[in-house]
């Protein structure tokens, strides 16, 4: 569901924001 056309853009943005916000590599 998360990678479906309906939700993919939001999931991509969430992943990147989380990685950046918490300082992951």
PDBML (XML) file of the C-alpha atoms, coordinates in Angstrom:
<?xml version="1.0" encoding="UTF-8" ?>
<PDBx:datablock datablockName="MODEL"
   xmlns:PDBx="http://pdbml.pdb.org/schema/pdbx-v50.xsd"
   xmlns:xsi="http://www.w3.org/2001/XMLSchema-instance"
   xsi:schemaLocation="http://pdbml.pdb.org/schema/pdbx-v50.xsd pdbx-v50.xsd">
   <PDBx:atom_siteCategory>
      <PDBx:atom_site id="1">
         <PDBx:B_iso_or_equiv>0.00</PDBx:B_iso_or_equiv>
         <PDBx:Cartn_x>0.000</PDBx:Cartn_x>
         <PDBx:Cartn_y>0.000</PDBx:Cartn_y>
         <PDBx:Cartn_z>0.000</PDBx:Cartn_z>
         <PDBx:auth_asym_id>A</PDBx:auth_asym_id>
         <PDBx:auth_atom_id>CA</PDBx:auth_atom_id>
         <PDBx:auth_comp_id>UNK</PDBx:auth_comp_id>
         <PDBx:auth_seq_id>1</PDBx:auth_seq_id>
         <PDBx:group_PDB>ATOM</PDBx:group_PDB>
         <PDBx:label_alt_id xsi:nil="true" />
         <PDBx:label_asym_id>A</PDBx:label_asym_id>
         <PDBx:label_atom_id>CA</PDBx:label_atom_id>
         <PDBx:label_comp_id>UNK</PDBx:label_comp_id>
         <PDBx:label_entity_id>1</PDBx:label_entity_id>
         <PDBx:label_seq_id>1</PDBx:label_seq_id>
         <PDBx:occupancy>1.00</PDBx:occupancy>
         <PDBx:pdbx_PDB_model_num>1</PDBx:pdbx_PDB_model_num>
         <PDBx:type_symbol>C</PDBx:type_symbol>
      </PDBx:atom_site>
      <PDBx:atom_site id="2">
         <PDBx:B_iso_or_equiv>0.00</PDBx:B_iso_or_equiv>
         <PDBx:Cartn_x>2.795</PDBx:Cartn_x>
         <PDBx:Cartn_y>2.416</PDBx:Cartn_y>
         <PDBx:Cartn_z>0.924</PDBx:Cartn_z>
         <PDBx:auth_asym_id>A</PDBx:auth_asym_id>
         <PDBx:auth_atom_id>CA</PDBx:auth_atom_id>
         <PDBx:auth_comp_id>UNK</PDBx:auth_comp_id>
         <PDBx:auth_seq_id>2</PDBx:auth_seq_id>
         <PDBx:group_PDB>ATOM</PDBx:group_PDB>
         <PDBx:label_alt_id xsi:nil="true" />
         <PDBx:label_asym_id>A</PDBx:label_asym_id>
         <PDBx:label_atom_id>CA</PDBx:label_atom_id>
         <PDBx:label_comp_id>UNK</PDBx:label_comp_id>
         <PDBx:label_entity_id>1</PDBx:label_entity_id>
         <PDBx:label_seq_id>2</PDBx:label_seq_id>
         <PDBx:occupancy>1.00</PDBx:occupancy>
         <PDBx:pdbx_PDB_model_num>1</PDBx:pdbx_PDB_model_num>
         <PDBx:type_symbol>C</PDBx:type_symbol>
      </PDBx:atom_site>
      <PDBx:atom_site id="3">
         <PDBx:B_iso_or_equiv>0.00</PDBx:B_iso_or_equiv>
         <PDBx:Cartn_x>4.507</PDBx:Cartn_x>
         <PDBx:Cartn_y>2.088</PDBx:Cartn_y>
         <PDBx:Cartn_z>-2.478</PDBx:Cartn_z>
         <PDBx:auth_asym_id>A</PDBx:auth_asym_id>
         <PDBx:auth_atom_id>CA</PDBx:auth_atom_id>
         <PDBx:auth_comp_id>UNK</PDBx:auth_comp_id>
         <PDBx:auth_seq_id>3</PDBx:auth_seq_id>
         <PDBx:group_PDB>ATOM</PDBx:group_PDB>
         <PDBx:label_alt_id xsi:nil="true" />
         <PDBx:label_asym_id>A</PDBx:label_asym_id>
         <PDBx:label_atom_id>CA</PDBx:label_atom_id>
         <PDBx:label_comp_id>UNK</PDBx:label_comp_id>
         <PDBx:label_entity_id>1</PDBx:label_entity_id>
         <PDBx:label_seq_id>3</PDBx:label_seq_id>
         <PDBx:occupancy>1.00</PDBx:occupancy>
         <PDBx:pdbx_PDB_model_num>1</PDBx:pdbx_PDB_model_num>
         <PDBx:type_symbol>C</PDBx:type_symbol>
      </PDBx:atom_site>
      <PDBx:atom_site id="4">
         <PDBx:B_iso_or_equiv>0.00</PDBx:B_iso_or_equiv>
         <PDBx:Cartn_x>1.261</PDBx:Cartn_x>
         <PDBx:Cartn_y>2.196</PDBx:Cartn_y>
         <PDBx:Cartn_z>-4.484</PDBx:Cartn_z>
         <PDBx:auth_asym_id>A</PDBx:auth_asym_id>
         <PDBx:auth_atom_id>CA</PDBx:auth_atom_id>
         <PDBx:auth_comp_id>UNK</PDBx:auth_comp_id>
         <PDBx:auth_seq_id>4</PDBx:auth_seq_id>
         <PDBx:group_PDB>ATOM</PDBx:group_PDB>
         <PDBx:label_alt_id xsi:nil="true" />
         <PDBx:label_asym_id>A</PDBx:label_asym_id>
         <PDBx:label_atom_id>CA</PDBx:label_atom_id>
         <PDBx:label_comp_id>UNK</PDBx:label_comp_id>
         <PDBx:label_entity_id>1</PDBx:label_entity_id>
         <PDBx:label_seq_id>4</PDBx:label_seq_id>
         <PDBx:occupancy>1.00</PDBx:occupancy>
         <PDBx:pdbx_PDB_model_num>1</PDBx:pdbx_PDB_model_num>
         <PDBx:type_symbol>C</PDBx:type_symbol>
      </PDBx:atom_site>
      <PDBx:atom_site id="5">
         <PDBx:B_iso_or_equiv>0.00</PDBx:B_iso_or_equiv>
         <PDBx:Cartn_x>0.588</PDBx:Cartn_x>
         <PDBx:Cartn_y>5.166</PDBx:Cartn_y>
         <PDBx:Cartn_z>-6.753</PDBx:Cartn_z>
         <PDBx:auth_asym_id>A</PDBx:auth_asym_id>
         <PDBx:auth_atom_id>CA</PDBx:auth_atom_id>
         <PDBx:auth_comp_id>UNK</PDBx:auth_comp_id>
         <PDBx:auth_seq_id>5</PDBx:auth_seq_id>
         <PDBx:group_PDB>ATOM</PDBx:group_PDB>
         <PDBx:label_alt_id xsi:nil="true" />
         <PDBx:label_asym_id>A</PDBx:label_asym_id>
         <PDBx:label_atom_id>CA</PDBx:label_atom_id>
         <PDBx:label_comp_id>UNK</PDBx:label_comp_id>
         <PDBx:label_entity_id>1</PDBx:label_entity_id>
         <PDBx:label_seq_id>5</PDBx:label_seq_id>
         <PDBx:occupancy>1.00</PDBx:occupancy>
         <PDBx:pdbx_PDB_model_num>1</PDBx:pdbx_PDB_model_num>
         <PDBx:type_symbol>C</PDBx:type_symbol>
      </PDBx:atom_site>
      <PDBx:atom_site id="6">
         <PDBx:B_iso_or_equiv>0.00</PDBx:B_iso_or_equiv>
         <PDBx:Cartn_x>-1.796</PDBx:Cartn_x>
         <PDBx:Cartn_y>6.585</PDBx:Cartn_y>
         <PDBx:Cartn_z>-4.144</PDBx:Cartn_z>
         <PDBx:auth_asym_id>A</PDBx:auth_asym_id>
         <PDBx:auth_atom_id>CA</PDBx:auth_atom_id>
         <PDBx:auth_comp_id>UNK</PDBx:auth_comp_id>
         <PDBx:auth_seq_id>6</PDBx:auth_seq_id>
         <PDBx:group_PDB>ATOM</PDBx:group_PDB>
         <PDBx:label_alt_id xsi:nil="true" />
         <PDBx:label_asym_id>A</PDBx:label_asym_id>
         <PDBx:label_atom_id>CA</PDBx:label_atom_id>
         <PDBx:label_comp_id>UNK</PDBx:label_comp_id>
         <PDBx:label_entity_id>1</PDBx:label_entity_id>
         <PDBx:label_seq_id>6</PDBx:label_seq_id>
         <PDBx:occupancy>1.00</PDBx:occupancy>
         <PDBx:pdbx_PDB_model_num>1</PDBx:pdbx_PDB_model_num>
         <PDBx:type_symbol>C</PDBx:type_symbol>
      </PDBx:atom_site>
      <PDBx:atom_site id="7">
         <PDBx:B_iso_or_equiv>0.00</PDBx:B_iso_or_equiv>
         <PDBx:Cartn_x>0.707</PDBx:Cartn_x>
         <PDBx:Cartn_y>6.734</PDBx:Cartn_y>
         <PDBx:Cartn_z>-1.255</PDBx:Cartn_z>
         <PDBx:auth_asym_id>A</PDBx:auth_asym_id>
         <PDBx:auth_atom_id>CA</PDBx:auth_atom_id>
         <PDBx:auth_comp_id>UNK</PDBx:auth_comp_id>
         <PDBx:auth_seq_id>7</PDBx:auth_seq_id>
         <PDBx:group_PDB>ATOM</PDBx:group_PDB>
         <PDBx:label_alt_id xsi:nil="true" />
         <PDBx:label_asym_id>A</PDBx:label_asym_id>
         <PDBx:label_atom_id>CA</PDBx:label_atom_id>
         <PDBx:label_comp_id>UNK</PDBx:label_comp_id>
         <PDBx:label_entity_id>1</PDBx:label_entity_id>
         <PDBx:label_seq_id>7</PDBx:label_seq_id>
         <PDBx:occupancy>1.00</PDBx:occupancy>
         <PDBx:pdbx_PDB_model_num>1</PDBx:pdbx_PDB_model_num>
         <PDBx:type_symbol>C</PDBx:type_symbol>
      </PDBx:atom_site>
      <PDBx:atom_site id="8">
         <PDBx:B_iso_or_equiv>0.00</PDBx:B_iso_or_equiv>
         <PDBx:Cartn_x>4.192</PDBx:Cartn_x>
         <PDBx:Cartn_y>6.463</PDBx:Cartn_y>
         <PDBx:Cartn_z>-2.798</PDBx:Cartn_z>
         <PDBx:auth_asym_id>A</PDBx:auth_asym_id>
         <PDBx:auth_atom_id>CA</PDBx:auth_atom_id>
         <PDBx:auth_comp_id>UNK</PDBx:auth_comp_id>
         <PDBx:auth_seq_id>8</PDBx:auth_seq_id>
         <PDBx:group_PDB>ATOM</PDBx:group_PDB>
         <PDBx:label_alt_id xsi:nil="true" />
         <PDBx:label_asym_id>A</PDBx:label_asym_id>
         <PDBx:label_atom_id>CA</PDBx:label_atom_id>
         <PDBx:label_comp_id>UNK</PDBx:label_comp_id>
         <PDBx:label_entity_id>1</PDBx:label_entity_id>
         <PDBx:label_seq_id>8</PDBx:label_seq_id>
         <PDBx:occupancy>1.00</PDBx:occupancy>
         <PDBx:pdbx_PDB_model_num>1</PDBx:pdbx_PDB_model_num>
         <PDBx:type_symbol>C</PDBx:type_symbol>
      </PDBx:atom_site>
      <PDBx:atom_site id="9">
         <PDBx:B_iso_or_equiv>0.00</PDBx:B_iso_or_equiv>
         <PDBx:Cartn_x>5.014</PDBx:Cartn_x>
         <PDBx:Cartn_y>10.195</PDBx:Cartn_y>
         <PDBx:Cartn_z>-2.894</PDBx:Cartn_z>
         <PDBx:auth_asym_id>A</PDBx:auth_asym_id>
         <PDBx:auth_atom_id>CA</PDBx:auth_atom_id>
         <PDBx:auth_comp_id>UNK</PDBx:auth_comp_id>
         <PDBx:auth_seq_id>9</PDBx:auth_seq_id>
         <PDBx:group_PDB>ATOM</PDBx:group_PDB>
         <PDBx:label_alt_id xsi:nil="true" />
         <PDBx:label_asym_id>A</PDBx:label_asym_id>
         <PDBx:label_atom_id>CA</PDBx:label_atom_id>
         <PDBx:label_comp_id>UNK</PDBx:label_comp_id>
         <PDBx:label_entity_id>1</PDBx:label_entity_id>
         <PDBx:label_seq_id>9</PDBx:label_seq_id>
         <PDBx:occupancy>1.00</PDBx:occupancy>
         <PDBx:pdbx_PDB_model_num>1</PDBx:pdbx_PDB_model_num>
         <PDBx:type_symbol>C</PDBx:type_symbol>
      </PDBx:atom_site>
      <PDBx:atom_site id="10">
         <PDBx:B_iso_or_equiv>0.00</PDBx:B_iso_or_equiv>
         <PDBx:Cartn_x>4.119</PDBx:Cartn_x>
         <PDBx:Cartn_y>10.634</PDBx:Cartn_y>
         <PDBx:Cartn_z>0.780</PDBx:Cartn_z>
         <PDBx:auth_asym_id>A</PDBx:auth_asym_id>
         <PDBx:auth_atom_id>CA</PDBx:auth_atom_id>
         <PDBx:auth_comp_id>UNK</PDBx:auth_comp_id>
         <PDBx:auth_seq_id>10</PDBx:auth_seq_id>
         <PDBx:group_PDB>ATOM</PDBx:group_PDB>
         <PDBx:label_alt_id xsi:nil="true" />
         <PDBx:label_asym_id>A</PDBx:label_asym_id>
         <PDBx:label_atom_id>CA</PDBx:label_atom_id>
         <PDBx:label_comp_id>UNK</PDBx:label_comp_id>
         <PDBx:label_entity_id>1</PDBx:label_entity_id>
         <PDBx:label_seq_id>10</PDBx:label_seq_id>
         <PDBx:occupancy>1.00</PDBx:occupancy>
         <PDBx:pdbx_PDB_model_num>1</PDBx:pdbx_PDB_model_num>
         <PDBx:type_symbol>C</PDBx:type_symbol>
      </PDBx:atom_site>
      <PDBx:atom_site id="11">
         <PDBx:B_iso_or_equiv>0.00</PDBx:B_iso_or_equiv>
         <PDBx:Cartn_x>6.102</PDBx:Cartn_x>
         <PDBx:Cartn_y>7.546</PDBx:Cartn_y>
         <PDBx:Cartn_z>1.757</PDBx:Cartn_z>
         <PDBx:auth_asym_id>A</PDBx:auth_asym_id>
         <PDBx:auth_atom_id>CA</PDBx:auth_atom_id>
         <PDBx:auth_comp_id>UNK</PDBx:auth_comp_id>
         <PDBx:auth_seq_id>11</PDBx:auth_seq_id>
         <PDBx:group_PDB>ATOM</PDBx:group_PDB>
         <PDBx:label_alt_id xsi:nil="true" />
         <PDBx:label_asym_id>A</PDBx:label_asym_id>
         <PDBx:label_atom_id>CA</PDBx:label_atom_id>
         <PDBx:label_comp_id>UNK</PDBx:label_comp_id>
         <PDBx:label_entity_id>1</PDBx:label_entity_id>
         <PDBx:label_seq_id>11</PDBx:label_seq_id>
         <PDBx:occupancy>1.00</PDBx:occupancy>
         <PDBx:pdbx_PDB_model_num>1</PDBx:pdbx_PDB_model_num>
         <PDBx:type_symbol>C</PDBx:type_symbol>
      </PDBx:atom_site>
      <PDBx:atom_site id="12">
         <PDBx:B_iso_or_equiv>0.00</PDBx:B_iso_or_equiv>
         <PDBx:Cartn_x>9.169</PDBx:Cartn_x>
         <PDBx:Cartn_y>8.760</PDBx:Cartn_y>
         <PDBx:Cartn_z>-0.181</PDBx:Cartn_z>
         <PDBx:auth_asym_id>A</PDBx:auth_asym_id>
         <PDBx:auth_atom_id>CA</PDBx:auth_atom_id>
         <PDBx:auth_comp_id>UNK</PDBx:auth_comp_id>
         <PDBx:auth_seq_id>12</PDBx:auth_seq_id>
         <PDBx:group_PDB>ATOM</PDBx:group_PDB>
         <PDBx:label_alt_id xsi:nil="true" />
         <PDBx:label_asym_id>A</PDBx:label_asym_id>
         <PDBx:label_atom_id>CA</PDBx:label_atom_id>
         <PDBx:label_comp_id>UNK</PDBx:label_comp_id>
         <PDBx:label_entity_id>1</PDBx:label_entity_id>
         <PDBx:label_seq_id>12</PDBx:label_seq_id>
         <PDBx:occupancy>1.00</PDBx:occupancy>
         <PDBx:pdbx_PDB_model_num>1</PDBx:pdbx_PDB_model_num>
         <PDBx:type_symbol>C</PDBx:type_symbol>
      </PDBx:atom_site>
      <PDBx:atom_site id="13">
         <PDBx:B_iso_or_equiv>0.00</PDBx:B_iso_or_equiv>
         <PDBx:Cartn_x>8.979</PDBx:Cartn_x>
         <PDBx:Cartn_y>12.161</PDBx:Cartn_y>
         <PDBx:Cartn_z>1.508</PDBx:Cartn_z>
         <PDBx:auth_asym_id>A</PDBx:auth_asym_id>
         <PDBx:auth_atom_id>CA</PDBx:auth_atom_id>
         <PDBx:auth_comp_id>UNK</PDBx:auth_comp_id>
         <PDBx:auth_seq_id>13</PDBx:auth_seq_id>
         <PDBx:group_PDB>ATOM</PDBx:group_PDB>
         <PDBx:label_alt_id xsi:nil="true" />
         <PDBx:label_asym_id>A</PDBx:label_asym_id>
         <PDBx:label_atom_id>CA</PDBx:label_atom_id>
         <PDBx:label_comp_id>UNK</PDBx:label_comp_id>
         <PDBx:label_entity_id>1</PDBx:label_entity_id>
         <PDBx:label_seq_id>13</PDBx:label_seq_id>
         <PDBx:occupancy>1.00</PDBx:occupancy>
         <PDBx:pdbx_PDB_model_num>1</PDBx:pdbx_PDB_model_num>
         <PDBx:type_symbol>C</PDBx:type_symbol>
      </PDBx:atom_site>
      <PDBx:atom_site id="14">
         <PDBx:B_iso_or_equiv>0.00</PDBx:B_iso_or_equiv>
         <PDBx:Cartn_x>8.523</PDBx:Cartn_x>
         <PDBx:Cartn_y>10.587</PDBx:Cartn_y>
         <PDBx:Cartn_z>4.951</PDBx:Cartn_z>
         <PDBx:auth_asym_id>A</PDBx:auth_asym_id>
         <PDBx:auth_atom_id>CA</PDBx:auth_atom_id>
         <PDBx:auth_comp_id>UNK</PDBx:auth_comp_id>
         <PDBx:auth_seq_id>14</PDBx:auth_seq_id>
         <PDBx:group_PDB>ATOM</PDBx:group_PDB>
         <PDBx:label_alt_id xsi:nil="true" />
         <PDBx:label_asym_id>A</PDBx:label_asym_id>
         <PDBx:label_atom_id>CA</PDBx:label_atom_id>
         <PDBx:label_comp_id>UNK</PDBx:label_comp_id>
         <PDBx:label_entity_id>1</PDBx:label_entity_id>
         <PDBx:label_seq_id>14</PDBx:label_seq_id>
         <PDBx:occupancy>1.00</PDBx:occupancy>
         <PDBx:pdbx_PDB_model_num>1</PDBx:pdbx_PDB_model_num>
         <PDBx:type_symbol>C</PDBx:type_symbol>
      </PDBx:atom_site>
      <PDBx:atom_site id="15">
         <PDBx:B_iso_or_equiv>0.00</PDBx:B_iso_or_equiv>
         <PDBx:Cartn_x>11.535</PDBx:Cartn_x>
         <PDBx:Cartn_y>8.309</PDBx:Cartn_y>
         <PDBx:Cartn_z>4.532</PDBx:Cartn_z>
         <PDBx:auth_asym_id>A</PDBx:auth_asym_id>
         <PDBx:auth_atom_id>CA</PDBx:auth_atom_id>
         <PDBx:auth_comp_id>UNK</PDBx:auth_comp_id>
         <PDBx:auth_seq_id>15</PDBx:auth_seq_id>
         <PDBx:group_PDB>ATOM</PDBx:group_PDB>
         <PDBx:label_alt_id xsi:nil="true" />
         <PDBx:label_asym_id>A</PDBx:label_asym_id>
         <PDBx:label_atom_id>CA</PDBx:label_atom_id>
         <PDBx:label_comp_id>UNK</PDBx:label_comp_id>
         <PDBx:label_entity_id>1</PDBx:label_entity_id>
         <PDBx:label_seq_id>15</PDBx:label_seq_id>
         <PDBx:occupancy>1.00</PDBx:occupancy>
         <PDBx:pdbx_PDB_model_num>1</PDBx:pdbx_PDB_model_num>
         <PDBx:type_symbol>C</PDBx:type_symbol>
      </PDBx:atom_site>
      <PDBx:atom_site id="16">
         <PDBx:B_iso_or_equiv>0.00</PDBx:B_iso_or_equiv>
         <PDBx:Cartn_x>13.829</PDBx:Cartn_x>
         <PDBx:Cartn_y>11.136</PDBx:Cartn_y>
         <PDBx:Cartn_z>3.444</PDBx:Cartn_z>
         <PDBx:auth_asym_id>A</PDBx:auth_asym_id>
         <PDBx:auth_atom_id>CA</PDBx:auth_atom_id>
         <PDBx:auth_comp_id>UNK</PDBx:auth_comp_id>
         <PDBx:auth_seq_id>16</PDBx:auth_seq_id>
         <PDBx:group_PDB>ATOM</PDBx:group_PDB>
         <PDBx:label_alt_id xsi:nil="true" />
         <PDBx:label_asym_id>A</PDBx:label_asym_id>
         <PDBx:label_atom_id>CA</PDBx:label_atom_id>
         <PDBx:label_comp_id>UNK</PDBx:label_comp_id>
         <PDBx:label_entity_id>1</PDBx:label_entity_id>
         <PDBx:label_seq_id>16</PDBx:label_seq_id>
         <PDBx:occupancy>1.00</PDBx:occupancy>
         <PDBx:pdbx_PDB_model_num>1</PDBx:pdbx_PDB_model_num>
         <PDBx:type_symbol>C</PDBx:type_symbol>
      </PDBx:atom_site>
      <PDBx:atom_site id="17">
         <PDBx:B_iso_or_equiv>0.00</PDBx:B_iso_or_equiv>
         <PDBx:Cartn_x>12.594</PDBx:Cartn_x>
         <PDBx:Cartn_y>13.517</PDBx:Cartn_y>
         <PDBx:Cartn_z>6.145</PDBx:Cartn_z>
         <PDBx:auth_asym_id>A</PDBx:auth_asym_id>
         <PDBx:auth_atom_id>CA</PDBx:auth_atom_id>
         <PDBx:auth_comp_id>UNK</PDBx:auth_comp_id>
         <PDBx:auth_seq_id>17</PDBx:auth_seq_id>
         <PDBx:group_PDB>ATOM</PDBx:group_PDB>
         <PDBx:label_alt_id xsi:nil="true" />
         <PDBx:label_asym_id>A</PDBx:label_asym_id>
         <PDBx:label_atom_id>CA</PDBx:label_atom_id>
         <PDBx:label_comp_id>UNK</PDBx:label_comp_id>
         <PDBx:label_entity_id>1</PDBx:label_entity_id>
         <PDBx:label_seq_id>17</PDBx:label_seq_id>
         <PDBx:occupancy>1.00</PDBx:occupancy>
         <PDBx:pdbx_PDB_model_num>1</PDBx:pdbx_PDB_model_num>
         <PDBx:type_symbol>C</PDBx:type_symbol>
      </PDBx:atom_site>
      <PDBx:atom_site id="18">
         <PDBx:B_iso_or_equiv>0.00</PDBx:B_iso_or_equiv>
         <PDBx:Cartn_x>13.090</PDBx:Cartn_x>
         <PDBx:Cartn_y>10.863</PDBx:Cartn_y>
         <PDBx:Cartn_z>8.839</PDBx:Cartn_z>
         <PDBx:auth_asym_id>A</PDBx:auth_asym_id>
         <PDBx:auth_atom_id>CA</PDBx:auth_atom_id>
         <PDBx:auth_comp_id>UNK</PDBx:auth_comp_id>
         <PDBx:auth_seq_id>18</PDBx:auth_seq_id>
         <PDBx:group_PDB>ATOM</PDBx:group_PDB>
         <PDBx:label_alt_id xsi:nil="true" />
         <PDBx:label_asym_id>A</PDBx:label_asym_id>
         <PDBx:label_atom_id>CA</PDBx:label_atom_id>
         <PDBx:label_comp_id>UNK</PDBx:label_comp_id>
         <PDBx:label_entity_id>1</PDBx:label_entity_id>
         <PDBx:label_seq_id>18</PDBx:label_seq_id>
         <PDBx:occupancy>1.00</PDBx:occupancy>
         <PDBx:pdbx_PDB_model_num>1</PDBx:pdbx_PDB_model_num>
         <PDBx:type_symbol>C</PDBx:type_symbol>
      </PDBx:atom_site>
      <PDBx:atom_site id="19">
         <PDBx:B_iso_or_equiv>0.00</PDBx:B_iso_or_equiv>
         <PDBx:Cartn_x>16.614</PDBx:Cartn_x>
         <PDBx:Cartn_y>9.936</PDBx:Cartn_y>
         <PDBx:Cartn_z>7.705</PDBx:Cartn_z>
         <PDBx:auth_asym_id>A</PDBx:auth_asym_id>
         <PDBx:auth_atom_id>CA</PDBx:auth_atom_id>
         <PDBx:auth_comp_id>UNK</PDBx:auth_comp_id>
         <PDBx:auth_seq_id>19</PDBx:auth_seq_id>
         <PDBx:group_PDB>ATOM</PDBx:group_PDB>
         <PDBx:label_alt_id xsi:nil="true" />
         <PDBx:label_asym_id>A</PDBx:label_asym_id>
         <PDBx:label_atom_id>CA</PDBx:label_atom_id>
         <PDBx:label_comp_id>UNK</PDBx:label_comp_id>
         <PDBx:label_entity_id>1</PDBx:label_entity_id>
         <PDBx:label_seq_id>19</PDBx:label_seq_id>
         <PDBx:occupancy>1.00</PDBx:occupancy>
         <PDBx:pdbx_PDB_model_num>1</PDBx:pdbx_PDB_model_num>
         <PDBx:type_symbol>C</PDBx:type_symbol>
      </PDBx:atom_site>
      <PDBx:atom_site id="20">
         <PDBx:B_iso_or_equiv>0.00</PDBx:B_iso_or_equiv>
         <PDBx:Cartn_x>17.637</PDBx:Cartn_x>
         <PDBx:Cartn_y>13.604</PDBx:Cartn_y>
         <PDBx:Cartn_z>7.526</PDBx:Cartn_z>
         <PDBx:auth_asym_id>A</PDBx:auth_asym_id>
         <PDBx:auth_atom_id>CA</PDBx:auth_atom_id>
         <PDBx:auth_comp_id>UNK</PDBx:auth_comp_id>
         <PDBx:auth_seq_id>20</PDBx:auth_seq_id>
         <PDBx:group_PDB>ATOM</PDBx:group_PDB>
         <PDBx:label_alt_id xsi:nil="true" />
         <PDBx:label_asym_id>A</PDBx:label_asym_id>
         <PDBx:label_atom_id>CA</PDBx:label_atom_id>
         <PDBx:label_comp_id>UNK</PDBx:label_comp_id>
         <PDBx:label_entity_id>1</PDBx:label_entity_id>
         <PDBx:label_seq_id>20</PDBx:label_seq_id>
         <PDBx:occupancy>1.00</PDBx:occupancy>
         <PDBx:pdbx_PDB_model_num>1</PDBx:pdbx_PDB_model_num>
         <PDBx:type_symbol>C</PDBx:type_symbol>
      </PDBx:atom_site>
      <PDBx:atom_site id="21">
         <PDBx:B_iso_or_equiv>0.00</PDBx:B_iso_or_equiv>
         <PDBx:Cartn_x>15.925</PDBx:Cartn_x>
         <PDBx:Cartn_y>14.674</PDBx:Cartn_y>
         <PDBx:Cartn_z>10.773</PDBx:Cartn_z>
         <PDBx:auth_asym_id>A</PDBx:auth_asym_id>
         <PDBx:auth_atom_id>CA</PDBx:auth_atom_id>
         <PDBx:auth_comp_id>UNK</PDBx:auth_comp_id>
         <PDBx:auth_seq_id>21</PDBx:auth_seq_id>
         <PDBx:group_PDB>ATOM</PDBx:group_PDB>
         <PDBx:label_alt_id xsi:nil="true" />
         <PDBx:label_asym_id>A</PDBx:label_asym_id>
         <PDBx:label_atom_id>CA</PDBx:label_atom_id>
         <PDBx:label_comp_id>UNK</PDBx:label_comp_id>
         <PDBx:label_entity_id>1</PDBx:label_entity_id>
         <PDBx:label_seq_id>21</PDBx:label_seq_id>
         <PDBx:occupancy>1.00</PDBx:occupancy>
         <PDBx:pdbx_PDB_model_num>1</PDBx:pdbx_PDB_model_num>
         <PDBx:type_symbol>C</PDBx:type_symbol>
      </PDBx:atom_site>
      <PDBx:atom_site id="22">
         <PDBx:B_iso_or_equiv>0.00</PDBx:B_iso_or_equiv>
         <PDBx:Cartn_x>17.575</PDBx:Cartn_x>
         <PDBx:Cartn_y>11.958</PDBx:Cartn_y>
         <PDBx:Cartn_z>12.844</PDBx:Cartn_z>
         <PDBx:auth_asym_id>A</PDBx:auth_asym_id>
         <PDBx:auth_atom_id>CA</PDBx:auth_atom_id>
         <PDBx:auth_comp_id>UNK</PDBx:auth_comp_id>
         <PDBx:auth_seq_id>22</PDBx:auth_seq_id>
         <PDBx:group_PDB>ATOM</PDBx:group_PDB>
         <PDBx:label_alt_id xsi:nil="true" />
         <PDBx:label_asym_id>A</PDBx:label_asym_id>
         <PDBx:label_atom_id>CA</PDBx:label_atom_id>
         <PDBx:label_comp_id>UNK</PDBx:label_comp_id>
         <PDBx:label_entity_id>1</PDBx:label_entity_id>
         <PDBx:label_seq_id>22</PDBx:label_seq_id>
         <PDBx:occupancy>1.00</PDBx:occupancy>
         <PDBx:pdbx_PDB_model_num>1</PDBx:pdbx_PDB_model_num>
         <PDBx:type_symbol>C</PDBx:type_symbol>
      </PDBx:atom_site>
      <PDBx:atom_site id="23">
         <PDBx:B_iso_or_equiv>0.00</PDBx:B_iso_or_equiv>
         <PDBx:Cartn_x>20.983</PDBx:Cartn_x>
         <PDBx:Cartn_y>12.157</PDBx:Cartn_y>
         <PDBx:Cartn_z>11.187</PDBx:Cartn_z>
         <PDBx:auth_asym_id>A</PDBx:auth_asym_id>
         <PDBx:auth_atom_id>CA</PDBx:auth_atom_id>
         <PDBx:auth_comp_id>UNK</PDBx:auth_comp_id>
         <PDBx:auth_seq_id>23</PDBx:auth_seq_id>
         <PDBx:group_PDB>ATOM</PDBx:group_PDB>
         <PDBx:label_alt_id xsi:nil="true" />
         <PDBx:label_asym_id>A</PDBx:label_asym_id>
         <PDBx:label_atom_id>CA</PDBx:label_atom_id>
         <PDBx:label_comp_id>UNK</PDBx:label_comp_id>
         <PDBx:label_entity_id>1</PDBx:label_entity_id>
         <PDBx:label_seq_id>23</PDBx:label_seq_id>
         <PDBx:occupancy>1.00</PDBx:occupancy>
         <PDBx:pdbx_PDB_model_num>1</PDBx:pdbx_PDB_model_num>
         <PDBx:type_symbol>C</PDBx:type_symbol>
      </PDBx:atom_site>
      <PDBx:atom_site id="24">
         <PDBx:B_iso_or_equiv>0.00</PDBx:B_iso_or_equiv>
         <PDBx:Cartn_x>21.082</PDBx:Cartn_x>
         <PDBx:Cartn_y>8.710</PDBx:Cartn_y>
         <PDBx:Cartn_z>9.626</PDBx:Cartn_z>
         <PDBx:auth_asym_id>A</PDBx:auth_asym_id>
         <PDBx:auth_atom_id>CA</PDBx:auth_atom_id>
         <PDBx:auth_comp_id>UNK</PDBx:auth_comp_id>
         <PDBx:auth_seq_id>24</PDBx:auth_seq_id>
         <PDBx:group_PDB>ATOM</PDBx:group_PDB>
         <PDBx:label_alt_id xsi:nil="true" />
         <PDBx:label_asym_id>A</PDBx:label_asym_id>
         <PDBx:label_atom_id>CA</PDBx:label_atom_id>
         <PDBx:label_comp_id>UNK</PDBx:label_comp_id>
         <PDBx:label_entity_id>1</PDBx:label_entity_id>
         <PDBx:label_seq_id>24</PDBx:label_seq_id>
         <PDBx:occupancy>1.00</PDBx:occupancy>
         <PDBx:pdbx_PDB_model_num>1</PDBx:pdbx_PDB_model_num>
         <PDBx:type_symbol>C</PDBx:type_symbol>
      </PDBx:atom_site>
      <PDBx:atom_site id="25">
         <PDBx:B_iso_or_equiv>0.00</PDBx:B_iso_or_equiv>
         <PDBx:Cartn_x>23.412</PDBx:Cartn_x>
         <PDBx:Cartn_y>7.962</PDBx:Cartn_y>
         <PDBx:Cartn_z>6.714</PDBx:Cartn_z>
         <PDBx:auth_asym_id>A</PDBx:auth_asym_id>
         <PDBx:auth_atom_id>CA</PDBx:auth_atom_id>
         <PDBx:auth_comp_id>UNK</PDBx:auth_comp_id>
         <PDBx:auth_seq_id>25</PDBx:auth_seq_id>
         <PDBx:group_PDB>ATOM</PDBx:group_PDB>
         <PDBx:label_alt_id xsi:nil="true" />
         <PDBx:label_asym_id>A</PDBx:label_asym_id>
         <PDBx:label_atom_id>CA</PDBx:label_atom_id>
         <PDBx:label_comp_id>UNK</PDBx:label_comp_id>
         <PDBx:label_entity_id>1</PDBx:label_entity_id>
         <PDBx:label_seq_id>25</PDBx:label_seq_id>
         <PDBx:occupancy>1.00</PDBx:occupancy>
         <PDBx:pdbx_PDB_model_num>1</PDBx:pdbx_PDB_model_num>
         <PDBx:type_symbol>C</PDBx:type_symbol>
      </PDBx:atom_site>
   </PDBx:atom_siteCategory>
</PDBx:datablock>
